[in-house]
Amino acid sequence: ASDSSKAQRYNPDTTLTIVIDTAVVNIRAHKLT
């Protein structure tokens, strides 16, 4: 990978495809670890 601002380079990032509700989740509250 290199600078995504150059030319036609794509910026792969799954997180750009989802809308995050909260920054932090207490997964143990959902019975997960």
Full PDB file with SEQRES, HELIX, SHEET, SSBOND, CRYST1, ORIGX, SCALE, CONECT and MASTER records, all heavy atoms in Angstrom:
SEQRES   1 A   33  ALA SER ASP SER SER LYS ALA GLN ARG TYR ASN PRO ASP          
SEQRES   2 A   33  THR THR LEU THR ILE VAL ILE ASP THR ALA VAL VAL ASN          
SEQRES   3 A   33  ILE ARG ALA HIS LYS LEU THR                                  
HELIX    1 AA1 THR A   14  LEU A   16  5                                   3    
HELIX    2 AA2 ILE A   27  HIS A   30  5                                   4    
CRYST1    1.000    1.000    1.000  90.00  90.00  90.00 P 1           1          
ORIGX1      1.000000  0.000000  0.000000        0.00000                         
ORIGX2      0.000000  1.000000  0.000000        0.00000                         
ORIGX3      0.000000  0.000000  1.000000        0.00000                         
SCALE1      1.000000  0.000000  0.000000        0.00000                         
SCALE2      0.000000  1.000000  0.000000        0.00000                         
SCALE3      0.000000  0.000000  1.000000        0.00000                         
ATOM      1  N   ALA A   1       0.829  -1.190   0.000  1.00  0.00           N  
ATOM      2  CA  ALA A   1       0.000   0.000   0.000  1.00  0.00           C  
ATOM      3  C   ALA A   1       0.857   1.231   0.000  1.00  0.00           C  
ATOM      4  O   ALA A   1       1.989   1.217   0.431  1.00  0.00           O  
ATOM      5  CB  ALA A   1      -0.889   0.028   1.236  1.00  0.00           C  
ATOM      6  N   SER A   2       0.312   2.348  -0.505  1.00  0.00           N  
ATOM      7  CA  SER A   2       1.009   3.621  -0.407  1.00  0.00           C  
ATOM      8  C   SER A   2      -0.014   4.725  -0.293  1.00  0.00           C  
ATOM      9  O   SER A   2      -1.191   4.461  -0.123  1.00  0.00           O  
ATOM     10  CB  SER A   2       1.924   3.830  -1.610  1.00  0.00           C  
ATOM     11  OG  SER A   2       1.176   3.883  -2.788  1.00  0.00           O  
ATOM     12  N   ASP A   3       0.406   5.970  -0.414  1.00  0.00           N  
ATOM     13  CA  ASP A   3      -0.423   7.132  -0.130  1.00  0.00           C  
ATOM     14  C   ASP A   3      -1.701   7.120  -0.966  1.00  0.00           C  
ATOM     15  O   ASP A   3      -1.664   7.204  -2.180  1.00  0.00           O  
ATOM     16  CB  ASP A   3       0.389   8.393  -0.437  1.00  0.00           C  
ATOM     17  CG  ASP A   3      -0.349   9.642  -0.009  1.00  0.00           C  
ATOM     18  OD1 ASP A   3      -1.533   9.554   0.377  1.00  0.00           O  
ATOM     19  OD2 ASP A   3       0.284  10.712  -0.061  1.00  0.00           O  
ATOM     20  N   SER A   4      -2.868   7.035  -0.310  1.00  0.00           N  
ATOM     21  CA  SER A   4      -4.132   6.937  -1.024  1.00  0.00           C  
ATOM     22  C   SER A   4      -4.525   8.231  -1.703  1.00  0.00           C  
ATOM     23  O   SER A   4      -5.454   8.253  -2.498  1.00  0.00           O  
ATOM     24  CB  SER A   4      -5.240   6.524  -0.046  1.00  0.00           C  
ATOM     25  OG  SER A   4      -5.388   7.494   0.973  1.00  0.00           O  
ATOM     26  N   SER A   5      -3.828   9.307  -1.437  1.00  0.00           N  
ATOM     27  CA  SER A   5      -4.152  10.576  -2.075  1.00  0.00           C  
ATOM     28  C   SER A   5      -3.534  10.687  -3.453  1.00  0.00           C  
ATOM     29  O   SER A   5      -3.838  11.605  -4.205  1.00  0.00           O  
ATOM     30  CB  SER A   5      -3.646  11.738  -1.214  1.00  0.00           C  
ATOM     31  OG  SER A   5      -2.229  11.732  -1.148  1.00  0.00           O  
ATOM     32  N   LYS A   6      -2.676   9.753  -3.823  1.00  0.00           N  
ATOM     33  CA  LYS A   6      -1.993   9.820  -5.100  1.00  0.00           C  
ATOM     34  C   LYS A   6      -2.866   9.249  -6.207  1.00  0.00           C  
ATOM     35  O   LYS A   6      -3.449   8.187  -6.096  1.00  0.00           O  
ATOM     36  CB  LYS A   6      -0.686   9.039  -5.045  1.00  0.00           C  
ATOM     37  CG  LYS A   6       0.287   9.530  -3.977  1.00  0.00           C  
ATOM     38  CD  LYS A   6       0.859  10.886  -4.302  1.00  0.00           C  
ATOM     39  CE  LYS A   6       1.922  11.296  -3.280  1.00  0.00           C  
ATOM     40  NZ  LYS A   6       2.518  12.582  -3.589  1.00  0.00           N  
ATOM     41  N   ALA A   7      -2.928   9.941  -7.334  1.00  0.00           N  
ATOM     42  CA  ALA A   7      -3.545   9.450  -8.552  1.00  0.00           C  
ATOM     43  C   ALA A   7      -4.896   8.789  -8.271  1.00  0.00           C  
ATOM     44  O   ALA A   7      -5.716   9.329  -7.558  1.00  0.00           O  
ATOM     45  CB  ALA A   7      -2.588   8.490  -9.260  1.00  0.00           C  
ATOM     46  N   GLN A   8      -5.111   7.579  -8.863  1.00  0.00           N  
ATOM     47  CA  GLN A   8      -6.390   6.899  -8.736  1.00  0.00           C  
ATOM     48  C   GLN A   8      -6.375   5.835  -7.639  1.00  0.00           C  
ATOM     49  O   GLN A   8      -7.174   4.926  -7.663  1.00  0.00           O  
ATOM     50  CB  GLN A   8      -6.735   6.241 -10.085  1.00  0.00           C  
ATOM     51  CG  GLN A   8      -6.951   7.224 -11.215  1.00  0.00           C  
ATOM     52  CD  GLN A   8      -8.195   8.046 -11.030  1.00  0.00           C  
ATOM     53  OE1 GLN A   8      -9.180   7.565 -10.515  1.00  0.00           O  
ATOM     54  NE2 GLN A   8      -8.173   9.293 -11.459  1.00  0.00           N  
ATOM     55  N   ARG A   9      -5.486   5.921  -6.701  1.00  0.00           N  
ATOM     56  CA  ARG A   9      -5.384   4.864  -5.701  1.00  0.00           C  
ATOM     57  C   ARG A   9      -6.659   4.776  -4.864  1.00  0.00           C  
ATOM     58  O   ARG A   9      -7.229   5.781  -4.453  1.00  0.00           O  
ATOM     59  CB  ARG A   9      -4.171   5.096  -4.785  1.00  0.00           C  
ATOM     60  CG  ARG A   9      -2.858   4.872  -5.516  1.00  0.00           C  
ATOM     61  CD  ARG A   9      -1.698   4.934  -4.559  1.00  0.00           C  
ATOM     62  NE  ARG A   9      -0.461   4.657  -5.251  1.00  0.00           N  
ATOM     63  CZ  ARG A   9       0.009   3.445  -5.468  1.00  0.00           C  
ATOM     64  NH1 ARG A   9      -0.647   2.405  -5.036  1.00  0.00           N  
ATOM     65  NH2 ARG A   9       1.150   3.267  -6.118  1.00  0.00           N  
ATOM     66  N   TYR A  10      -7.068   3.549  -4.624  1.00  0.00           N  
ATOM     67  CA  TYR A  10      -8.232   3.315  -3.797  1.00  0.00           C  
ATOM     68  C   TYR A  10      -7.815   3.242  -2.336  1.00  0.00           C  
ATOM     69  O   TYR A  10      -6.675   2.956  -2.021  1.00  0.00           O  
ATOM     70  CB  TYR A  10      -8.926   2.014  -4.222  1.00  0.00           C  
ATOM     71  CG  TYR A  10      -9.381   2.053  -5.651  1.00  0.00           C  
ATOM     72  CD1 TYR A  10      -8.717   1.338  -6.639  1.00  0.00           C  
ATOM     73  CD2 TYR A  10     -10.463   2.842  -6.017  1.00  0.00           C  
ATOM     74  CE1 TYR A  10      -9.121   1.394  -7.961  1.00  0.00           C  
ATOM     75  CE2 TYR A  10     -10.869   2.910  -7.338  1.00  0.00           C  
ATOM     76  CZ  TYR A  10     -10.202   2.181  -8.303  1.00  0.00           C  
ATOM     77  OH  TYR A  10     -10.600   2.243  -9.608  1.00  0.00           O  
ATOM     78  N   ASN A  11      -8.756   3.484  -1.471  1.00  0.00           N  
ATOM     79  CA  ASN A  11      -8.472   3.430  -0.033  1.00  0.00           C  
ATOM     80  C   ASN A  11      -9.304   2.321   0.585  1.00  0.00           C  
ATOM     81  O   ASN A  11     -10.398   2.565   1.086  1.00  0.00           O  
ATOM     82  CB  ASN A  11      -8.793   4.770   0.620  1.00  0.00           C  
ATOM     83  CG  ASN A  11      -8.426   4.780   2.087  1.00  0.00           C  
ATOM     84  OD1 ASN A  11      -7.603   3.981   2.538  1.00  0.00           O  
ATOM     85  ND2 ASN A  11      -9.037   5.674   2.841  1.00  0.00           N  
ATOM     86  N   PRO A  12      -8.824   1.086   0.532  1.00  0.00           N  
ATOM     87  CA  PRO A  12      -9.628  -0.029   1.043  1.00  0.00           C  
ATOM     88  C   PRO A  12      -9.842   0.090   2.544  1.00  0.00           C  
ATOM     89  O   PRO A  12      -8.902   0.196   3.306  1.00  0.00           O  
ATOM     90  CB  PRO A  12      -8.773  -1.263   0.716  1.00  0.00           C  
ATOM     91  CG  PRO A  12      -7.755  -0.797  -0.266  1.00  0.00           C  
ATOM     92  CD  PRO A  12      -7.525   0.644   0.030  1.00  0.00           C  
ATOM     93  N   ASP A  13     -11.079   0.038   2.966  1.00  0.00           N  
ATOM     94  CA  ASP A  13     -11.373   0.092   4.392  1.00  0.00           C  
ATOM     95  C   ASP A  13     -12.815  -0.346   4.607  1.00  0.00           C  
ATOM     96  O   ASP A  13     -13.747   0.371   4.274  1.00  0.00           O  
ATOM     97  CB  ASP A  13     -11.165   1.508   4.933  1.00  0.00           C  
ATOM     98  CG  ASP A  13     -11.214   1.542   6.455  1.00  0.00           C  
ATOM     99  OD1 ASP A  13     -11.753   0.600   7.046  1.00  0.00           O  
ATOM    100  OD2 ASP A  13     -10.712   2.510   7.041  1.00  0.00           O  
ATOM    101  N   THR A  14     -12.992  -1.521   5.174  1.00  0.00           N  
ATOM    102  CA  THR A  14     -14.333  -2.036   5.435  1.00  0.00           C  
ATOM    103  C   THR A  14     -15.131  -1.064   6.294  1.00  0.00           C  
ATOM    104  O   THR A  14     -16.334  -0.920   6.121  1.00  0.00           O  
ATOM    105  CB  THR A  14     -14.249  -3.395   6.156  1.00  0.00           C  
ATOM    106  OG1 THR A  14     -13.509  -4.294   5.335  1.00  0.00           O  
ATOM    107  CG2 THR A  14     -15.622  -3.975   6.404  1.00  0.00           C  
ATOM    108  N   THR A  15     -14.467  -0.372   7.214  1.00  0.00           N  
ATOM    109  CA  THR A  15     -15.189   0.480   8.145  1.00  0.00           C  
ATOM    110  C   THR A  15     -15.869   1.650   7.450  1.00  0.00           C  
ATOM    111  O   THR A  15     -16.782   2.243   7.999  1.00  0.00           O  
ATOM    112  CB  THR A  15     -14.242   1.036   9.231  1.00  0.00           C  
ATOM    113  OG1 THR A  15     -13.208   1.803   8.613  1.00  0.00           O  
ATOM    114  CG2 THR A  15     -13.624  -0.094  10.017  1.00  0.00           C  
ATOM    115  N   LEU A  16     -15.440   1.989   6.249  1.00  0.00           N  
ATOM    116  CA  LEU A  16     -16.095   3.064   5.524  1.00  0.00           C  
ATOM    117  C   LEU A  16     -17.465   2.640   5.009  1.00  0.00           C  
ATOM    118  O   LEU A  16     -18.286   3.478   4.662  1.00  0.00           O  
ATOM    119  CB  LEU A  16     -15.222   3.522   4.349  1.00  0.00           C  
ATOM    120  CG  LEU A  16     -13.886   4.166   4.712  1.00  0.00           C  
ATOM    121  CD1 LEU A  16     -13.130   4.540   3.455  1.00  0.00           C  
ATOM    122  CD2 LEU A  16     -14.097   5.399   5.574  1.00  0.00           C  
ATOM    123  N   THR A  17     -17.721   1.330   4.952  1.00  0.00           N  
ATOM    124  CA  THR A  17     -18.970   0.824   4.418  1.00  0.00           C  
ATOM    125  C   THR A  17     -20.051   0.725   5.479  1.00  0.00           C  
ATOM    126  O   THR A  17     -21.222   0.612   5.168  1.00  0.00           O  
ATOM    127  CB  THR A  17     -18.744  -0.571   3.790  1.00  0.00           C  
ATOM    128  OG1 THR A  17     -17.662  -0.472   2.876  1.00  0.00           O  
ATOM    129  CG2 THR A  17     -19.967  -1.062   3.042  1.00  0.00           C  
ATOM    130  N   ILE A  18     -19.666   0.746   6.741  1.00  0.00           N  
ATOM    131  CA  ILE A  18     -20.662   0.616   7.805  1.00  0.00           C  
ATOM    132  C   ILE A  18     -20.788   1.929   8.566  1.00  0.00           C  
ATOM    133  O   ILE A  18     -19.872   2.735   8.618  1.00  0.00           O  
ATOM    134  CB  ILE A  18     -20.311  -0.526   8.778  1.00  0.00           C  
ATOM    135  CG1 ILE A  18     -19.068  -0.199   9.600  1.00  0.00           C  
ATOM    136  CG2 ILE A  18     -20.122  -1.835   8.035  1.00  0.00           C  
ATOM    137  CD1 ILE A  18     -18.792  -1.195  10.692  1.00  0.00           C  
ATOM    138  N   VAL A  19     -21.962   2.123   9.139  1.00  0.00           N  
ATOM    139  CA  VAL A  19     -22.223   3.276  10.000  1.00  0.00           C  
ATOM    140  C   VAL A  19     -22.085   2.813  11.440  1.00  0.00           C  
ATOM    141  O   VAL A  19     -22.813   1.912  11.892  1.00  0.00           O  
ATOM    142  CB  VAL A  19     -23.628   3.851   9.752  1.00  0.00           C  
ATOM    143  CG1 VAL A  19     -23.889   5.013  10.702  1.00  0.00           C  
ATOM    144  CG2 VAL A  19     -23.769   4.292   8.302  1.00  0.00           C  
ATOM    145  N   ILE A  20     -21.119   3.387  12.178  1.00  0.00           N  
ATOM    146  CA  ILE A  20     -20.854   2.968  13.552  1.00  0.00           C  
ATOM    147  C   ILE A  20     -21.784   3.701  14.502  1.00  0.00           C  
ATOM    148  O   ILE A  20     -21.897   4.928  14.472  1.00  0.00           O  
ATOM    149  CB  ILE A  20     -19.383   3.236  13.929  1.00  0.00           C  
ATOM    150  CG1 ILE A  20     -18.459   2.425  13.015  1.00  0.00           C  
ATOM    151  CG2 ILE A  20     -19.128   2.894  15.383  1.00  0.00           C  
ATOM    152  CD1 ILE A  20     -18.656   0.934  13.088  1.00  0.00           C  
ATOM    153  N   ASP A  21     -22.449   2.935  15.363  1.00  0.00           N  
ATOM    154  CA  ASP A  21     -23.376   3.526  16.333  1.00  0.00           C  
ATOM    155  C   ASP A  21     -22.639   4.139  17.517  1.00  0.00           C  
ATOM    156  O   ASP A  21     -22.956   5.225  17.964  1.00  0.00           O  
ATOM    157  CB  ASP A  21     -24.345   2.460  16.851  1.00  0.00           C  
ATOM    158  CG  ASP A  21     -25.206   1.882  15.732  1.00  0.00           C  
ATOM    159  OD1 ASP A  21     -25.478   2.615  14.772  1.00  0.00           O  
ATOM    160  OD2 ASP A  21     -25.586   0.706  15.828  1.00  0.00           O  
ATOM    161  N   THR A  22     -21.664   3.406  18.050  1.00  0.00           N  
ATOM    162  CA  THR A  22     -20.906   3.883  19.189  1.00  0.00           C  
ATOM    163  C   THR A  22     -19.437   3.561  18.991  1.00  0.00           C  
ATOM    164  O   THR A  22     -19.084   2.645  18.261  1.00  0.00           O  
ATOM    165  CB  THR A  22     -21.383   3.204  20.488  1.00  0.00           C  
ATOM    166  OG1 THR A  22     -21.229   1.792  20.361  1.00  0.00           O  
ATOM    167  CG2 THR A  22     -22.832   3.541  20.785  1.00  0.00           C  
ATOM    168  N   ALA A  23     -18.576   4.311  19.647  1.00  0.00           N  
ATOM    169  CA  ALA A  23     -17.143   4.084  19.490  1.00  0.00           C  
ATOM    170  C   ALA A  23     -16.676   2.851  20.247  1.00  0.00           C  
ATOM    171  O   ALA A  23     -15.736   2.189  19.854  1.00  0.00           O  
ATOM    172  CB  ALA A  23     -16.360   5.307  19.968  1.00  0.00           C  
ATOM    173  N   VAL A  24     -17.334   2.535  21.357  1.00  0.00           N  
ATOM    174  CA  VAL A  24     -16.903   1.420  22.197  1.00  0.00           C  
ATOM    175  C   VAL A  24     -18.112   0.567  22.559  1.00  0.00           C  
ATOM    176  O   VAL A  24     -19.188   1.082  22.837  1.00  0.00           O  
ATOM    177  CB  VAL A  24     -16.218   1.917  23.484  1.00  0.00           C  
ATOM    178  CG1 VAL A  24     -15.812   0.728  24.352  1.00  0.00           C  
ATOM    179  CG2 VAL A  24     -15.002   2.778  23.143  1.00  0.00           C  
ATOM    180  N   VAL A  25     -17.925  -0.741  22.562  1.00  0.00           N  
ATOM    181  CA  VAL A  25     -18.981  -1.674  22.947  1.00  0.00           C  
ATOM    182  C   VAL A  25     -18.474  -2.557  24.078  1.00  0.00           C  
ATOM    183  O   VAL A  25     -17.360  -3.072  24.025  1.00  0.00           O  
ATOM    184  CB  VAL A  25     -19.403  -2.565  21.751  1.00  0.00           C  
ATOM    185  CG1 VAL A  25     -20.294  -3.707  22.218  1.00  0.00           C  
ATOM    186  CG2 VAL A  25     -20.138  -1.734  20.711  1.00  0.00           C  
ATOM    187  N   ASN A  26     -19.290  -2.714  25.110  1.00  0.00           N  
ATOM    188  CA  ASN A  26     -18.980  -3.661  26.177  1.00  0.00           C  
ATOM    189  C   ASN A  26     -19.489  -5.025  25.722  1.00  0.00           C  
ATOM    190  O   ASN A  26     -20.660  -5.360  25.887  1.00  0.00           O  
ATOM    191  CB  ASN A  26     -19.656  -3.246  27.480  1.00  0.00           C  
ATOM    192  CG  ASN A  26     -19.356  -4.219  28.617  1.00  0.00           C  
ATOM    193  OD1 ASN A  26     -18.634  -5.191  28.454  1.00  0.00           O  
ATOM    194  ND2 ASN A  26     -19.933  -3.946  29.776  1.00  0.00           N  
ATOM    195  N   ILE A  27     -18.591  -5.808  25.111  1.00  0.00           N  
ATOM    196  CA  ILE A  27     -19.032  -7.062  24.516  1.00  0.00           C  
ATOM    197  C   ILE A  27     -19.505  -8.052  25.569  1.00  0.00           C  
ATOM    198  O   ILE A  27     -20.322  -8.920  25.276  1.00  0.00           O  
ATOM    199  CB  ILE A  27     -17.917  -7.701  23.663  1.00  0.00           C  
ATOM    200  CG1 ILE A  27     -16.648  -7.928  24.491  1.00  0.00           C  
ATOM    201  CG2 ILE A  27     -17.636  -6.864  22.436  1.00  0.00           C  
ATOM    202  CD1 ILE A  27     -15.596  -8.723  23.758  1.00  0.00           C  
ATOM    203  N   ARG A  28     -19.002  -7.936  26.795  1.00  0.00           N  
ATOM    204  CA  ARG A  28     -19.424  -8.867  27.840  1.00  0.00           C  
ATOM    205  C   ARG A  28     -20.889  -8.670  28.205  1.00  0.00           C  
ATOM    206  O   ARG A  28     -21.557  -9.594  28.660  1.00  0.00           O  
ATOM    207  CB  ARG A  28     -18.518  -8.727  29.060  1.00  0.00           C  
ATOM    208  CG  ARG A  28     -17.120  -9.296  28.800  1.00  0.00           C  
ATOM    209  CD  ARG A  28     -16.153  -9.019  29.926  1.00  0.00           C  
ATOM    210  NE  ARG A  28     -14.849  -9.607  29.641  1.00  0.00           N  
ATOM    211  CZ  ARG A  28     -13.945  -9.089  28.835  1.00  0.00           C  
ATOM    212  NH1 ARG A  28     -14.211  -7.946  28.211  1.00  0.00           N  
ATOM    213  NH2 ARG A  28     -12.784  -9.686  28.628  1.00  0.00           N  
ATOM    214  N   ALA A  29     -21.388  -7.446  27.971  1.00  0.00           N  
ATOM    215  CA  ALA A  29     -22.806  -7.201  28.204  1.00  0.00           C  
ATOM    216  C   ALA A  29     -23.663  -7.952  27.186  1.00  0.00           C  
ATOM    217  O   ALA A  29     -24.853  -8.175  27.407  1.00  0.00           O  
ATOM    218  CB  ALA A  29     -23.106  -5.697  28.119  1.00  0.00           C  
ATOM    219  N   HIS A  30     -23.037  -8.351  26.077  1.00  0.00           N  
ATOM    220  CA  HIS A  30     -23.741  -9.117  25.055  1.00  0.00           C  
ATOM    221  C   HIS A  30     -23.371 -10.598  25.131  1.00  0.00           C  
ATOM    222  O   HIS A  30     -23.581 -11.340  24.174  1.00  0.00           O  
ATOM    223  CB  HIS A  30     -23.395  -8.564  23.665  1.00  0.00           C  
ATOM    224  CG  HIS A  30     -23.796  -7.135  23.476  1.00  0.00           C  
ATOM    225  ND1 HIS A  30     -25.041  -6.769  23.022  1.00  0.00           N  
ATOM    226  CD2 HIS A  30     -23.120  -5.980  23.697  1.00  0.00           C  
ATOM    227  CE1 HIS A  30     -25.106  -5.447  22.959  1.00  0.00           C  
ATOM    228  NE2 HIS A  30     -23.964  -4.953  23.365  1.00  0.00           N  
ATOM    229  N   LYS A  31     -22.781 -11.009  26.271  1.00  0.00           N  
ATOM    230  CA  LYS A  31     -22.383 -12.391  26.508  1.00  0.00           C  
ATOM    231  C   LYS A  31     -21.334 -12.866  25.496  1.00  0.00           C  
ATOM    232  O   LYS A  31     -21.334 -14.017  25.079  1.00  0.00           O  
ATOM    233  CB  LYS A  31     -23.611 -13.306  26.498  1.00  0.00           C  
ATOM    234  CG  LYS A  31     -24.613 -12.986  27.595  1.00  0.00           C  
ATOM    235  CD  LYS A  31     -25.780 -13.958  27.575  1.00  0.00           C  
ATOM    236  CE  LYS A  31     -26.776 -13.623  28.694  1.00  0.00           C  
ATOM    237  NZ  LYS A  31     -27.934 -14.549  28.705  1.00  0.00           N  
ATOM    238  N   LEU A  32     -20.463 -11.939  25.101  1.00  0.00           N  
ATOM    239  CA  LEU A  32     -19.366 -12.269  24.202  1.00  0.00           C  
ATOM    240  C   LEU A  32     -18.050 -11.902  24.864  1.00  0.00           C  
ATOM    241  O   LEU A  32     -18.003 -11.051  25.755  1.00  0.00           O  
ATOM    242  CB  LEU A  32     -19.493 -11.500  22.877  1.00  0.00           C  
ATOM    243  CG  LEU A  32     -20.664 -11.880  21.972  1.00  0.00           C  
ATOM    244  CD1 LEU A  32     -20.803 -10.855  20.851  1.00  0.00           C  
ATOM    245  CD2 LEU A  32     -20.464 -13.272  21.380  1.00  0.00           C  
ATOM    246  N   THR A  33     -16.979 -12.520  24.421  1.00  0.00           N  
ATOM    247  CA  THR A  33     -15.644 -12.195  24.908  1.00  0.00           C  
ATOM    248  C   THR A  33     -14.715 -11.991  23.721  1.00  0.00           C  
ATOM    249  O   THR A  33     -15.061 -12.313  22.572  1.00  0.00           O  
ATOM    250  CB  THR A  33     -15.072 -13.334  25.779  1.00  0.00           C  
ATOM    251  OG1 THR A  33     -14.838 -14.493  24.951  1.00  0.00           O  
ATOM    252  CG2 THR A  33     -16.015 -13.691  26.910  1.00  0.00           C  
TER     253      THR A  33                                                      
MASTER        0    0    0    2    0    0    0    6  252    1    0    3          
END                                                                             
